[in-house]
N, C-alpha and C. Protein backbone atom coordinates (compact mmCIF):
# COMPACT_ATOMS: atom_id res chain seq x y z
N VAL A 1 -0.15 0.00 -5.29
CA VAL A 1 0.22 0.12 -4.05
C VAL A 1 1.12 0.94 -3.38
N ILE A 2 0.62 1.69 -2.41
CA ILE A 2 1.65 2.92 -1.73
C ILE A 2 1.88 2.35 -0.50
N VAL A 3 3.25 2.16 0.00
CA VAL A 3 3.56 1.99 1.38
C VAL A 3 4.09 3.11 2.03
N ASP A 4 3.27 3.20 3.16
CA ASP A 4 3.78 4.43 4.10
C ASP A 4 3.77 5.64 3.30
N PRO A 5 2.92 6.12 2.70
CA PRO A 5 2.93 7.32 2.09
C PRO A 5 3.11 8.57 3.04
N PRO A 6 3.18 9.57 2.84
CA PRO A 6 3.41 10.92 3.84
C PRO A 6 1.94 11.13 4.03
N ALA A 7 1.39 11.85 5.32
CA ALA A 7 0.33 12.25 5.59
C ALA A 7 -0.51 13.13 4.58
N ILE A 8 0.60 13.85 4.07
CA ILE A 8 -0.20 15.00 2.93
C ILE A 8 -0.69 14.04 1.76
N PHE A 9 -0.27 12.93 1.46
CA PHE A 9 -0.63 12.25 0.36
C PHE A 9 -2.13 11.71 0.79
N HIS A 10 -2.54 11.45 1.99
CA HIS A 10 -3.91 11.20 2.14
C HIS A 10 -4.62 12.09 2.17
N ASN A 11 -4.30 13.55 2.56
CA ASN A 11 -5.00 14.57 2.12
C ASN A 11 -5.50 14.85 0.75
N LEU A 12 -4.31 14.64 -0.21
CA LEU A 12 -4.45 14.69 -1.49
C LEU A 12 -5.32 13.35 -2.15
N TRP A 13 -5.16 12.49 -1.63
CA TRP A 13 -6.12 11.53 -2.06
C TRP A 13 -7.55 11.74 -1.98
N ALA A 14 -7.86 12.26 -0.64
CA ALA A 14 -9.30 12.49 -0.21
C ALA A 14 -9.79 13.19 -0.89
N ALA A 15 -8.89 14.52 -1.80
CA ALA A 15 -9.27 15.57 -2.26
C ALA A 15 -9.82 15.02 -4.14
N LEU A 16 -8.73 14.11 -4.59
CA LEU A 16 -8.85 13.43 -5.84
C LEU A 16 -9.59 12.46 -5.94
N LYS A 17 -9.86 11.56 -5.06
CA LYS A 17 -10.81 10.58 -5.18
C LYS A 17 -12.11 10.63 -5.54
N PRO A 18 -12.99 11.66 -5.02
CA PRO A 18 -14.21 11.90 -5.88
C PRO A 18 -14.18 12.18 -7.22
N ILE A 19 -13.14 12.72 -7.85
CA ILE A 19 -13.46 12.97 -9.22
C ILE A 19 -13.01 11.72 -10.04
N LEU A 20 -12.29 11.14 -9.51
CA LEU A 20 -11.85 9.90 -10.12
C LEU A 20 -12.96 8.85 -10.51
N PRO A 21 -12.89 8.10 -11.75
CA PRO A 21 -14.12 6.92 -11.76
C PRO A 21 -13.75 5.98 -10.91
N PRO A 22 -15.02 5.30 -10.22
CA PRO A 22 -15.09 4.16 -9.37
C PRO A 22 -13.83 3.11 -9.54
N LYS A 23 -13.99 2.89 -10.97
CA LYS A 23 -13.15 1.73 -11.06
C LYS A 23 -11.41 2.05 -10.64
N THR A 24 -10.95 3.32 -10.91
CA THR A 24 -9.80 3.82 -10.70
C THR A 24 -9.61 3.89 -9.13
N GLN A 25 -10.67 4.34 -8.44
CA GLN A 25 -10.67 4.43 -7.02
C GLN A 25 -10.40 3.47 -6.35
N THR A 26 -10.48 2.08 -6.85
CA THR A 26 -10.72 1.00 -6.36
C THR A 26 -9.04 0.41 -6.38
N LYS A 27 -8.31 0.80 -7.37
CA LYS A 27 -7.32 0.57 -7.81
C LYS A 27 -6.18 1.02 -6.79
N ALA A 28 -6.61 2.02 -6.19
CA ALA A 28 -5.24 2.50 -5.06
C ALA A 28 -5.23 1.54 -3.92
N GLU A 29 -4.29 1.18 -3.30
CA GLU A 29 -3.97 0.44 -2.22
C GLU A 29 -2.98 1.18 -1.34
N PHE A 30 -3.32 1.73 0.21
CA PHE A 30 -2.42 2.17 1.01
C PHE A 30 -2.01 1.18 2.04
N ILE A 31 -0.86 0.93 2.19
CA ILE A 31 -0.58 0.07 3.29
C ILE A 31 0.59 0.46 4.30
N ASP A 32 0.19 0.56 5.53
CA ASP A 32 1.02 1.00 6.44
C ASP A 32 1.95 -0.24 6.99
N SER A 33 3.25 -0.10 6.61
CA SER A 33 4.18 -1.28 6.57
C SER A 33 4.30 -1.71 8.44
N ARG A 34 3.70 -0.89 9.09
CA ARG A 34 3.81 -1.20 10.64
C ARG A 34 2.84 -1.79 11.22
N ALA A 35 1.81 -1.89 10.36
CA ALA A 35 0.34 -2.80 10.76
C ALA A 35 0.75 -4.18 10.88
N ALA A 36 0.18 -4.87 11.64
CA ALA A 36 0.50 -6.44 11.76
C ALA A 36 -0.16 -6.88 10.74
N ALA A 37 -1.10 -6.53 9.66
CA ALA A 37 -1.67 -7.17 8.83
C ALA A 37 -0.90 -7.04 7.65
N ALA A 38 0.14 -6.19 7.33
CA ALA A 38 0.44 -5.70 6.28
C ALA A 38 1.30 -6.93 5.34
N ALA A 39 2.17 -7.57 6.17
CA ALA A 39 2.90 -8.80 5.35
C ALA A 39 1.51 -9.86 4.81
N ALA A 40 0.51 -9.93 5.52
CA ALA A 40 -0.54 -10.72 5.01
C ALA A 40 -1.19 -10.11 3.72
N ARG A 41 -1.28 -8.80 3.80
CA ARG A 41 -2.14 -8.00 2.39
C ARG A 41 -1.28 -8.03 1.57
N PHE A 42 0.20 -8.05 1.35
CA PHE A 42 0.93 -8.12 0.44
C PHE A 42 0.71 -9.53 -0.25
N GLN A 43 0.74 -10.37 0.64
CA GLN A 43 0.32 -11.84 0.09
C GLN A 43 -0.79 -11.88 -0.66
N GLU A 44 -1.94 -11.20 0.12
CA GLU A 44 -3.36 -11.24 -0.80
C GLU A 44 -3.28 -10.59 -1.91
N LEU A 45 -2.63 -9.66 -2.26
CA LEU A 45 -2.36 -9.00 -3.28
C LEU A 45 -1.54 -9.66 -4.45
N PHE A 46 -0.29 -10.28 -4.00
CA PHE A 46 0.63 -10.58 -4.99
C PHE A 46 0.84 -12.19 -5.20
N GLY A 47 -0.05 -12.81 -3.96
CA GLY A 47 0.21 -14.24 -3.81
C GLY A 47 1.44 -14.39 -2.86
N ALA A 48 1.84 -15.50 -2.74
CA ALA A 48 2.62 -16.18 -1.31
C ALA A 48 4.01 -15.93 -1.68
N ASP A 49 4.54 -16.29 -2.90
CA ASP A 49 5.81 -15.79 -2.92
C ASP A 49 6.06 -14.60 -3.18
N LEU A 50 5.63 -13.99 -4.19
CA LEU A 50 5.95 -12.49 -4.49
C LEU A 50 5.68 -11.62 -3.34
N GLY A 51 4.57 -11.74 -2.72
CA GLY A 51 4.06 -10.98 -1.56
C GLY A 51 5.21 -11.26 -0.27
N ALA A 52 5.77 -12.11 -0.41
CA ALA A 52 6.90 -12.43 0.71
C ALA A 52 7.88 -11.61 0.25
N HIS A 53 8.52 -11.82 -1.02
CA HIS A 53 9.68 -11.02 -1.63
C HIS A 53 9.70 -9.30 -1.28
N ILE A 54 8.19 -8.93 -1.70
CA ILE A 54 7.81 -7.67 -1.45
C ILE A 54 7.86 -7.16 -0.12
N TRP A 55 7.00 -7.98 0.82
CA TRP A 55 7.20 -7.58 2.13
C TRP A 55 8.85 -7.71 2.73
N GLN A 56 9.41 -8.54 2.22
CA GLN A 56 11.06 -8.65 2.53
C GLN A 56 11.96 -7.22 2.17
N LEU A 57 11.49 -6.72 0.89
CA LEU A 57 12.32 -5.47 0.38
C LEU A 57 11.69 -4.29 1.11
N VAL A 58 10.49 -4.26 1.69
CA VAL A 58 10.07 -3.30 2.47
C VAL A 58 10.35 -3.01 3.92
N GLN A 59 10.78 -4.35 4.33
CA GLN A 59 11.59 -4.25 5.70
C GLN A 59 12.81 -3.82 5.60
N GLU A 60 13.36 -4.21 4.40
CA GLU A 60 14.94 -3.66 4.39
C GLU A 60 15.05 -2.44 4.34
N ASP A 61 13.95 -1.79 3.36
CA ASP A 61 13.97 -0.34 3.29
C ASP A 61 13.51 0.60 4.40
N ARG A 62 12.67 -0.03 5.43
CA ARG A 62 12.45 0.59 6.55
C ARG A 62 13.39 0.59 7.48
N ALA A 63 14.42 -0.40 7.35
CA ALA A 63 15.87 -0.58 8.07
C ALA A 63 16.55 0.71 7.77
N LEU A 64 16.66 1.27 6.52
CA LEU A 64 17.75 2.09 6.01
C LEU A 64 17.74 3.72 6.79
């Protein structure tokens, strides 16, 4: 899970993704913490409690 990667990372991923095995490709998850569904996505990936905790940490980090 990569939260708020810099723009260049998306370009790098686009170049690397085709040469990676399909299973590896599906393991990457990019999340924009400003998106309305970001908190829900963390809960989908990690469960309600851990997802809420990780979301709280992301919000604290954004505030720095």
